[in-house]
Amino acid sequence: MYDLSNKIAVVIGGNGGVGAATAAAFAEAGATVAVTWRRGERDEAGAAQLRDELEAQGYAAVEADVADTASLKRLRRSVEERFGRIDILVHASGFTKAIPHTDLDALDDEFIDRMFAVNWRGQFATMRELLPLLQASGDALSVFISSIAASNGVGSNIAYCAAKSGTETLVKSLARAFAPGIRVMGVSPGVIDTGFVPGRGADFNNKVAQSIPLKRVASAGDVAGAVLACATHLRYATGTTLVVDGGRLL
C-alpha cells in the first residue's frame, strides 16, 4: 500500500520542515518528487542542499512563491513540460509570527493582508493554477496543511487562526467540487518541532508538551506520515481534515 512508484508528487514549500519531511516520505515510497522553494527562506543553505539532493535523484526543485501568481504559472509550465501531470499535490507553504491575541494593534492591515496572501490566497491560487495537471491524473490527491488553530482559535496570532479556518473550509469546498477525479484532504497538526514560529524553541515545546496527552510535540515526520496516509491508506476519504496533534484538542 505504500508503493507510489508510478506517482508524481509535488510539494509546495518543500524546503520547510514539514515540506522537506513530506518530500522525503514520498520519495521513500517510490514517488517521483518535485518541490518548490522560495528565495529569502531562513535556511538558505538547507534549501540549497535539498535542491541538490533532489536534482541528483532525477527529481525537480522549482522556485515559486505562492503569493506571486506569475511564479505559479511558471511552476505549472515547468511541471507540465517535465512530468505532464500531478498525482499528489501537497500545500505545505506558509508563514506566521507570534503575536499575543490581546495585542490587536500589532495586527495591522499590512500584516493581515500578507498573512492571508500566503496562508489562504496562495494555497487557493496554487490549486487554481495546477488544477489542469491534477485533472490530467484522473486519480489525484491534493493535501492542505492546516492547524488545530483553525478549531480552537489558539495559535500564533488571531489572523493565522482565521486563515487556517479558511483552509479547512477550502478543503471541503474543493473536495465537493472536483470529486471523484480529485480527492482533497487536510492535515491539521498542533505544535511541531520545526522552528516554523520564529522565537519558539525547545523551552516553548517542552512547556507545551506537558499539556498534550501524548506528552510531546509533533515532529515533521509525524505530519509527513499523516500526509502519506492520505495517499495510501485513506483512499476512500475526501473533504475531511485529519488531526495530528497528540490529543491536544481533547
C-alpha atoms as a PDB file:
ATOM      1  CA  MET A   1       0.000   0.000   0.000  1.00  0.00           C
ATOM      2  CA  TYR A   2       2.989   2.288   0.314  1.00  0.00           C
ATOM      3  CA  ASP A   3       4.191   1.763  -3.271  1.00  0.00           C
ATOM      4  CA  LEU A   4       3.865   5.089  -5.066  1.00  0.00           C
ATOM      5  CA  SER A   5       6.387   4.300  -7.784  1.00  0.00           C
ATOM      6  CA  ASN A   6       4.123   5.466 -10.601  1.00  0.00           C
ATOM      7  CA  LYS A   7       3.041   8.696  -8.917  1.00  0.00           C
ATOM      8  CA  ILE A   8       4.156  12.281  -9.463  1.00  0.00           C
ATOM      9  CA  ALA A   9       4.146  14.213  -6.162  1.00  0.00           C
ATOM     10  CA  VAL A  10       4.594  17.988  -5.950  1.00  0.00           C
ATOM     11  CA  VAL A  11       5.277  19.528  -2.542  1.00  0.00           C
ATOM     12  CA  ILE A  12       4.730  23.279  -2.308  1.00  0.00           C
ATOM     13  CA  GLY A  13       7.111  24.720   0.289  1.00  0.00           C
ATOM     14  CA  GLY A  14       9.397  21.723   0.066  1.00  0.00           C
ATOM     15  CA  ASN A  15      12.306  23.280   1.912  1.00  0.00           C
ATOM     16  CA  GLY A  16      10.333  23.954   5.087  1.00  0.00           C
ATOM     17  CA  GLY A  17      10.380  21.420   7.906  1.00  0.00           C
ATOM     18  CA  VAL A  18       7.079  19.698   7.107  1.00  0.00           C
ATOM     19  CA  GLY A  19       7.543  20.117   3.356  1.00  0.00           C
ATOM     20  CA  ALA A  20      11.000  18.540   3.339  1.00  0.00           C
ATOM     21  CA  ALA A  21       9.873  15.634   5.530  1.00  0.00           C
ATOM     22  CA  THR A  22       6.875  15.070   3.263  1.00  0.00           C
ATOM     23  CA  ALA A  23       9.000  15.137   0.126  1.00  0.00           C
ATOM     24  CA  ALA A  24      11.350  12.577   1.691  1.00  0.00           C
ATOM     25  CA  ALA A  25       8.430  10.346   2.708  1.00  0.00           C
ATOM     26  CA  PHE A  26       7.013  10.321  -0.802  1.00  0.00           C
ATOM     27  CA  ALA A  27      10.422   9.671  -2.330  1.00  0.00           C
ATOM     28  CA  GLU A  28      10.944   6.741   0.041  1.00  0.00           C
ATOM     29  CA  ALA A  29       7.564   5.361  -1.026  1.00  0.00           C
ATOM     30  CA  GLY A  30       8.760   5.434  -4.630  1.00  0.00           C
ATOM     31  CA  ALA A  31       7.091   8.565  -5.978  1.00  0.00           C
ATOM     32  CA  THR A  32       8.781  10.964  -8.348  1.00  0.00           C
ATOM     33  CA  VAL A  33       9.011  14.181  -6.353  1.00  0.00           C
ATOM     34  CA  ALA A  34       9.116  17.863  -7.230  1.00  0.00           C
ATOM     35  CA  VAL A  35       9.330  20.575  -4.592  1.00  0.00           C
ATOM     36  CA  THR A  36       9.072  24.325  -4.679  1.00  0.00           C
ATOM     37  CA  TRP A  37      11.379  26.667  -2.827  1.00  0.00           C
ATOM     38  CA  ARG A  38      11.360  30.413  -2.323  1.00  0.00           C
ATOM     39  CA  ARG A  39      14.200  32.907  -2.171  1.00  0.00           C
ATOM     40  CA  GLY A  40      14.648  34.575   1.188  1.00  0.00           C
ATOM     41  CA  GLU A  41      13.928  31.437   3.221  1.00  0.00           C
ATOM     42  CA  ARG A  42      15.540  31.449   6.656  1.00  0.00           C
ATOM     43  CA  ASP A  43      17.569  28.337   5.877  1.00  0.00           C
ATOM     44  CA  GLU A  44      19.128  29.174   2.520  1.00  0.00           C
ATOM     45  CA  ALA A  45      21.898  26.577   2.942  1.00  0.00           C
ATOM     46  CA  GLY A  46      19.388  23.865   3.809  1.00  0.00           C
ATOM     47  CA  ALA A  47      17.239  24.800   0.841  1.00  0.00           C
ATOM     48  CA  ALA A  48      20.239  24.604  -1.500  1.00  0.00           C
ATOM     49  CA  GLN A  49      21.190  21.189  -0.124  1.00  0.00           C
ATOM     50  CA  LEU A  50      17.654  19.887  -0.598  1.00  0.00           C
ATOM     51  CA  ARG A  51      17.552  21.134  -4.182  1.00  0.00           C
ATOM     52  CA  ASP A  52      20.888  19.496  -4.966  1.00  0.00           C
ATOM     53  CA  GLU A  53      19.806  16.191  -3.427  1.00  0.00           C
ATOM     54  CA  LEU A  54      16.537  16.138  -5.348  1.00  0.00           C
ATOM     55  CA  GLU A  55      18.121  17.032  -8.673  1.00  0.00           C
ATOM     56  CA  ALA A  56      20.754  14.339  -8.138  1.00  0.00           C
ATOM     57  CA  GLN A  57      17.958  11.763  -7.874  1.00  0.00           C
ATOM     58  CA  GLY A  58      16.306  12.969 -11.068  1.00  0.00           C
ATOM     59  CA  TYR A  59      13.642  14.886  -9.184  1.00  0.00           C
ATOM     60  CA  ALA A  60      12.850  18.575  -9.540  1.00  0.00           C
ATOM     61  CA  ALA A  61      13.191  21.688  -7.398  1.00  0.00           C
ATOM     62  CA  VAL A  62      11.419  24.728  -8.814  1.00  0.00           C
ATOM     63  CA  GLU A  63      11.442  28.272  -7.472  1.00  0.00           C
ATOM     64  CA  ALA A  64       7.935  29.549  -6.730  1.00  0.00           C
ATOM     65  CA  ASP A  65       6.208  31.921  -4.350  1.00  0.00           C
ATOM     66  CA  VAL A  66       2.545  31.166  -3.616  1.00  0.00           C
ATOM     67  CA  ALA A  67       1.861  34.882  -3.118  1.00  0.00           C
ATOM     68  CA  ASP A  68       3.069  35.566  -6.678  1.00  0.00           C
ATOM     69  CA  THR A  69       0.665  34.087  -9.209  1.00  0.00           C
ATOM     70  CA  ALA A  70       3.080  34.721 -12.070  1.00  0.00           C
ATOM     71  CA  SER A  71       5.585  32.374 -10.441  1.00  0.00           C
ATOM     72  CA  LEU A  72       2.851  29.751 -10.027  1.00  0.00           C
ATOM     73  CA  LYS A  73       2.151  29.945 -13.751  1.00  0.00           C
ATOM     74  CA  ARG A  74       5.852  29.314 -14.380  1.00  0.00           C
ATOM     75  CA  LEU A  75       5.684  26.376 -11.973  1.00  0.00           C
ATOM     76  CA  ARG A  76       2.776  24.926 -13.908  1.00  0.00           C
ATOM     77  CA  ARG A  77       4.677  25.150 -17.181  1.00  0.00           C
ATOM     78  CA  SER A  78       7.778  23.582 -15.655  1.00  0.00           C
ATOM     79  CA  VAL A  79       5.917  20.638 -14.126  1.00  0.00           C
ATOM     80  CA  GLU A  80       3.839  20.126 -17.258  1.00  0.00           C
ATOM     81  CA  GLU A  81       6.898  20.056 -19.502  1.00  0.00           C
ATOM     82  CA  ARG A  82       8.792  17.658 -17.243  1.00  0.00           C
ATOM     83  CA  PHE A  83       6.082  15.341 -15.904  1.00  0.00           C
ATOM     84  CA  GLY A  84       2.824  16.051 -17.752  1.00  0.00           C
ATOM     85  CA  ARG A  85       0.595  15.632 -14.710  1.00  0.00           C
ATOM     86  CA  ILE A  86       0.399  15.763 -10.920  1.00  0.00           C
ATOM     87  CA  ASP A  87      -0.937  12.812  -8.933  1.00  0.00           C
ATOM     88  CA  ILE A  88      -0.312  14.221  -5.444  1.00  0.00           C
ATOM     89  CA  LEU A  89      -0.123  17.909  -4.552  1.00  0.00           C
ATOM     90  CA  VAL A  90       0.829  18.980  -1.027  1.00  0.00           C
ATOM     91  CA  HIS A  91       0.329  22.578   0.101  1.00  0.00           C
ATOM     92  CA  ALA A  92       2.962  22.983   2.829  1.00  0.00           C
ATOM     93  CA  SER A  93       3.968  26.613   2.354  1.00  0.00           C
ATOM     94  CA  GLY A  94       3.134  29.280   4.898  1.00  0.00           C
ATOM     95  CA  PHE A  95       4.427  31.678   7.495  1.00  0.00           C
ATOM     96  CA  THR A  96       3.415  33.102  10.832  1.00  0.00           C
ATOM     97  CA  LYS A  97       4.582  35.236  13.723  1.00  0.00           C
ATOM     98  CA  ALA A  98       3.811  35.009  17.418  1.00  0.00           C
ATOM     99  CA  ILE A  99       1.582  37.930  18.435  1.00  0.00           C
ATOM    100  CA  PRO A 100      -0.433  37.938  21.679  1.00  0.00           C
ATOM    101  CA  HIS A 101      -4.145  37.690  20.966  1.00  0.00           C
ATOM    102  CA  THR A 102      -4.763  40.732  23.154  1.00  0.00           C
ATOM    103  CA  ASP A 103      -2.482  42.929  21.018  1.00  0.00           C
ATOM    104  CA  LEU A 104      -4.888  43.926  18.269  1.00  0.00           C
ATOM    105  CA  ASP A 105      -2.768  46.901  17.222  1.00  0.00           C
ATOM    106  CA  ALA A 106       0.037  44.572  16.163  1.00  0.00           C
ATOM    107  CA  LEU A 107      -2.298  43.017  13.613  1.00  0.00           C
ATOM    108  CA  ASP A 108      -2.164  45.970  11.240  1.00  0.00           C
ATOM    109  CA  ASP A 109      -3.649  45.865   7.747  1.00  0.00           C
ATOM    110  CA  GLU A 110      -0.346  45.092   6.041  1.00  0.00           C
ATOM    111  CA  PHE A 111       0.360  42.093   8.279  1.00  0.00           C
ATOM    112  CA  ILE A 112      -3.167  40.715   7.901  1.00  0.00           C
ATOM    113  CA  ASP A 113      -3.073  41.098   4.114  1.00  0.00           C
ATOM    114  CA  ARG A 114       0.270  39.288   3.957  1.00  0.00           C
ATOM    115  CA  MET A 115      -0.989  36.551   6.277  1.00  0.00           C
ATOM    116  CA  PHE A 116      -3.961  35.790   4.036  1.00  0.00           C
ATOM    117  CA  ALA A 117      -1.992  36.271   0.813  1.00  0.00           C
ATOM    118  CA  VAL A 118       0.400  33.491   1.799  1.00  0.00           C
ATOM    119  CA  ASN A 119      -1.671  31.206   4.024  1.00  0.00           C
ATOM    120  CA  TRP A 120      -5.005  31.246   2.170  1.00  0.00           C
ATOM    121  CA  ARG A 121      -4.964  33.039  -1.162  1.00  0.00           C
ATOM    122  CA  GLY A 122      -1.635  31.465  -2.051  1.00  0.00           C
ATOM    123  CA  GLN A 123      -2.904  27.951  -1.398  1.00  0.00           C
ATOM    124  CA  PHE A 124      -6.049  28.615  -3.408  1.00  0.00           C
ATOM    125  CA  ALA A 125      -4.026  30.169  -6.248  1.00  0.00           C
ATOM    126  CA  THR A 126      -1.713  27.156  -6.311  1.00  0.00           C
ATOM    127  CA  MET A 127      -4.678  24.823  -6.633  1.00  0.00           C
ATOM    128  CA  ARG A 128      -6.206  27.025  -9.318  1.00  0.00           C
ATOM    129  CA  GLU A 129      -3.045  27.120 -11.422  1.00  0.00           C
ATOM    130  CA  LEU A 130      -2.183  23.422 -11.067  1.00  0.00           C
ATOM    131  CA  LEU A 131      -5.753  22.119 -11.426  1.00  0.00           C
ATOM    132  CA  PRO A 132      -5.343  21.034 -15.086  1.00  0.00           C
ATOM    133  CA  LEU A 133      -2.332  18.897 -14.122  1.00  0.00           C
ATOM    134  CA  LEU A 134      -4.297  17.246 -11.307  1.00  0.00           C
ATOM    135  CA  GLN A 135      -7.184  16.604 -13.687  1.00  0.00           C
ATOM    136  CA  ALA A 136      -4.730  15.019 -16.129  1.00  0.00           C
ATOM    137  CA  SER A 137      -4.008  12.384 -13.491  1.00  0.00           C
ATOM    138  CA  GLY A 138      -7.556  11.068 -13.347  1.00  0.00           C
ATOM    139  CA  ASP A 139      -6.954   9.899  -9.765  1.00  0.00           C
ATOM    140  CA  ALA A 140      -5.330  12.805  -7.940  1.00  0.00           C
ATOM    141  CA  LEU A 141      -4.964  13.952  -4.356  1.00  0.00           C
ATOM    142  CA  SER A 142      -4.468  17.464  -3.012  1.00  0.00           C
ATOM    143  CA  VAL A 143      -3.483  17.798   0.669  1.00  0.00           C
ATOM    144  CA  PHE A 144      -3.558  21.091   2.557  1.00  0.00           C
ATOM    145  CA  ILE A 145      -1.556  21.553   5.763  1.00  0.00           C
ATOM    146  CA  SER A 146      -3.847  23.243   8.260  1.00  0.00           C
ATOM    147  CA  SER A 147      -3.529  23.656  12.036  1.00  0.00           C
ATOM    148  CA  ILE A 148      -5.625  22.916  15.106  1.00  0.00           C
ATOM    149  CA  ALA A 149      -5.635  26.713  15.466  1.00  0.00           C
ATOM    150  CA  ALA A 150      -8.494  26.539  12.954  1.00  0.00           C
ATOM    151  CA  SER A 151     -10.571  24.664  15.528  1.00  0.00           C
ATOM    152  CA  ASN A 152      -9.556  26.044  18.908  1.00  0.00           C
ATOM    153  CA  GLY A 153      -8.577  29.604  17.967  1.00  0.00           C
ATOM    154  CA  VAL A 154      -5.346  29.172  19.941  1.00  0.00           C
ATOM    155  CA  GLY A 155      -2.493  29.863  17.575  1.00  0.00           C
ATOM    156  CA  SER A 156       0.467  32.124  16.948  1.00  0.00           C
ATOM    157  CA  ASN A 157      -1.883  35.032  16.209  1.00  0.00           C
ATOM    158  CA  ILE A 158      -5.569  35.641  15.502  1.00  0.00           C
ATOM    159  CA  ALA A 159      -5.069  36.189  11.758  1.00  0.00           C
ATOM    160  CA  TYR A 160      -3.264  32.863  11.454  1.00  0.00           C
ATOM    161  CA  CYS A 161      -6.161  31.095  13.218  1.00  0.00           C
ATOM    162  CA  ALA A 162      -8.615  32.698  10.796  1.00  0.00           C
ATOM    163  CA  ALA A 163      -6.539  31.813   7.735  1.00  0.00           C
ATOM    164  CA  LYS A 164      -6.316  28.172   8.794  1.00  0.00           C
ATOM    165  CA  SER A 165     -10.047  28.057   9.410  1.00  0.00           C
ATOM    166  CA  GLY A 166     -10.390  29.217   5.827  1.00  0.00           C
ATOM    167  CA  THR A 167      -8.073  26.431   4.708  1.00  0.00           C
ATOM    168  CA  GLU A 168     -10.325  23.783   6.224  1.00  0.00           C
ATOM    169  CA  THR A 169     -13.362  25.317   4.508  1.00  0.00           C
ATOM    170  CA  LEU A 170     -11.364  25.270   1.266  1.00  0.00           C
ATOM    171  CA  VAL A 171     -10.742  21.541   1.717  1.00  0.00           C
ATOM    172  CA  LYS A 172     -14.481  20.860   1.945  1.00  0.00           C
ATOM    173  CA  SER A 173     -15.403  23.111  -0.979  1.00  0.00           C
ATOM    174  CA  LEU A 174     -12.742  21.773  -3.337  1.00  0.00           C
ATOM    175  CA  ALA A 175     -13.462  18.158  -2.406  1.00  0.00           C
ATOM    176  CA  ARG A 176     -17.115  18.613  -3.305  1.00  0.00           C
ATOM    177  CA  ALA A 177     -16.348  20.490  -6.499  1.00  0.00           C
ATOM    178  CA  PHE A 178     -13.787  18.140  -8.031  1.00  0.00           C
ATOM    179  CA  ALA A 179     -14.782  14.640  -6.929  1.00  0.00           C
ATOM    180  CA  PRO A 180     -14.349  11.931  -7.997  1.00  0.00           C
ATOM    181  CA  GLY A 181     -11.262  12.705 -10.095  1.00  0.00           C
ATOM    182  CA  ILE A 182      -9.504  14.672  -7.346  1.00  0.00           C
ATOM    183  CA  ARG A 183      -9.633  13.872  -3.644  1.00  0.00           C
ATOM    184  CA  VAL A 184      -8.925  16.791  -1.303  1.00  0.00           C
ATOM    185  CA  MET A 185      -7.735  16.294   2.273  1.00  0.00           C
ATOM    186  CA  GLY A 186      -6.415  18.406   5.126  1.00  0.00           C
ATOM    187  CA  VAL A 187      -3.850  17.532   7.780  1.00  0.00           C
ATOM    188  CA  SER A 188      -4.141  19.553  10.989  1.00  0.00           C
ATOM    189  CA  PRO A 189      -1.165  19.375  13.356  1.00  0.00           C
ATOM    190  CA  GLY A 190      -0.676  21.060  16.692  1.00  0.00           C
ATOM    191  CA  VAL A 191       2.740  22.335  17.765  1.00  0.00           C
ATOM    192  CA  ILE A 192       5.527  20.982  15.551  1.00  0.00           C
ATOM    193  CA  ASP A 193       9.231  20.927  16.373  1.00  0.00           C
ATOM    194  CA  THR A 194      10.367  22.755  13.223  1.00  0.00           C
ATOM    195  CA  GLY A 195      11.014  26.377  14.107  1.00  0.00           C
ATOM    196  CA  PHE A 196       8.032  27.423  11.981  1.00  0.00           C
ATOM    197  CA  VAL A 197       7.114  30.086  14.526  1.00  0.00           C
ATOM    198  CA  PRO A 198      10.133  32.402  14.957  1.00  0.00           C
ATOM    199  CA  GLY A 199      11.272  32.708  18.560  1.00  0.00           C
ATOM    200  CA  ARG A 200       9.720  29.448  19.734  1.00  0.00           C
ATOM    201  CA  GLY A 201      12.289  26.799  20.568  1.00  0.00           C
ATOM    202  CA  ALA A 202      12.929  23.884  22.896  1.00  0.00           C
ATOM    203  CA  ASP A 203      11.767  25.702  26.039  1.00  0.00           C
ATOM    204  CA  PHE A 204       8.404  26.535  24.484  1.00  0.00           C
ATOM    205  CA  ASN A 205       7.999  22.995  23.098  1.00  0.00           C
ATOM    206  CA  ASN A 206       8.841  21.378  26.430  1.00  0.00           C
ATOM    207  CA  LYS A 207       6.321  23.557  28.241  1.00  0.00           C
ATOM    208  CA  VAL A 208       3.547  22.868  25.732  1.00  0.00           C
ATOM    209  CA  ALA A 209       4.320  19.139  25.756  1.00  0.00           C
ATOM    210  CA  GLN A 210       3.129  18.913  29.342  1.00  0.00           C
ATOM    211  CA  SER A 211      -0.393  19.897  28.245  1.00  0.00           C
ATOM    212  CA  ILE A 212      -0.516  17.302  25.452  1.00  0.00           C
ATOM    213  CA  PRO A 213      -1.852  13.829  26.342  1.00  0.00           C
ATOM    214  CA  LEU A 214       0.989  12.127  24.426  1.00  0.00           C
ATOM    215  CA  LYS A 215       3.478  14.388  26.271  1.00  0.00           C
ATOM    216  CA  ARG A 216       5.437  15.579  23.254  1.00  0.00           C
ATOM    217  CA  VAL A 217       5.059  17.977  20.369  1.00  0.00           C
ATOM    218  CA  ALA A 218       4.886  16.636  16.832  1.00  0.00           C
ATOM    219  CA  SER A 219       7.917  16.041  14.661  1.00  0.00           C
ATOM    220  CA  ALA A 220       7.874  16.974  10.994  1.00  0.00           C
ATOM    221  CA  GLY A 221       7.876  13.244  10.318  1.00  0.00           C
ATOM    222  CA  ASP A 222       4.640  12.805  12.265  1.00  0.00           C
ATOM    223  CA  VAL A 223       2.913  15.257   9.950  1.00  0.00           C
ATOM    224  CA  ALA A 224       4.538  13.788   6.832  1.00  0.00           C
ATOM    225  CA  GLY A 225       3.290  10.343   7.866  1.00  0.00           C
ATOM    226  CA  ALA A 226      -0.262  11.657   8.015  1.00  0.00           C
ATOM    227  CA  VAL A 227       0.079  13.195   4.549  1.00  0.00           C
ATOM    228  CA  LEU A 228       1.450   9.902   3.237  1.00  0.00           C
ATOM    229  CA  ALA A 229      -1.502   8.061   4.774  1.00  0.00           C
ATOM    230  CA  CYS A 230      -3.875  10.299   2.809  1.00  0.00           C
ATOM    231  CA  ALA A 231      -2.239   8.987  -0.369  1.00  0.00           C
ATOM    232  CA  THR A 232      -2.059   5.339   0.643  1.00  0.00           C
ATOM    233  CA  HIS A 233      -4.394   4.070   3.359  1.00  0.00           C
ATOM    234  CA  LEU A 234      -7.176   6.676   3.278  1.00  0.00           C
ATOM    235  CA  ARG A 235      -8.250   6.099  -0.299  1.00  0.00           C
ATOM    236  CA  TYR A 236     -11.965   6.427   0.490  1.00  0.00           C
ATOM    237  CA  ALA A 237     -11.652   9.761   2.269  1.00  0.00           C
ATOM    238  CA  THR A 238     -12.146  13.216   0.813  1.00  0.00           C
ATOM    239  CA  GLY A 239     -13.188  16.610   2.152  1.00  0.00           C
ATOM    240  CA  THR A 240     -12.043  15.862   5.664  1.00  0.00           C
ATOM    241  CA  THR A 241      -9.153  17.092   7.797  1.00  0.00           C
ATOM    242  CA  LEU A 242      -7.037  14.623   9.740  1.00  0.00           C
ATOM    243  CA  VAL A 243      -5.999  15.917  13.179  1.00  0.00           C
ATOM    244  CA  VAL A 244      -2.428  15.029  14.183  1.00  0.00           C
ATOM    245  CA  ASP A 245      -1.926  16.802  17.490  1.00  0.00           C
ATOM    246  CA  GLY A 246      -1.084  14.190  20.111  1.00  0.00           C
ATOM    247  CA  GLY A 247      -4.503  14.785  21.658  1.00  0.00           C
ATOM    248  CA  ARG A 248      -4.051  18.487  22.355  1.00  0.00           C
ATOM    249  CA  LEU A 249      -7.609  19.298  21.265  1.00  0.00           C
ATOM    250  CA  LEU A 250      -9.051  16.947  23.894  1.00  0.00           C
END
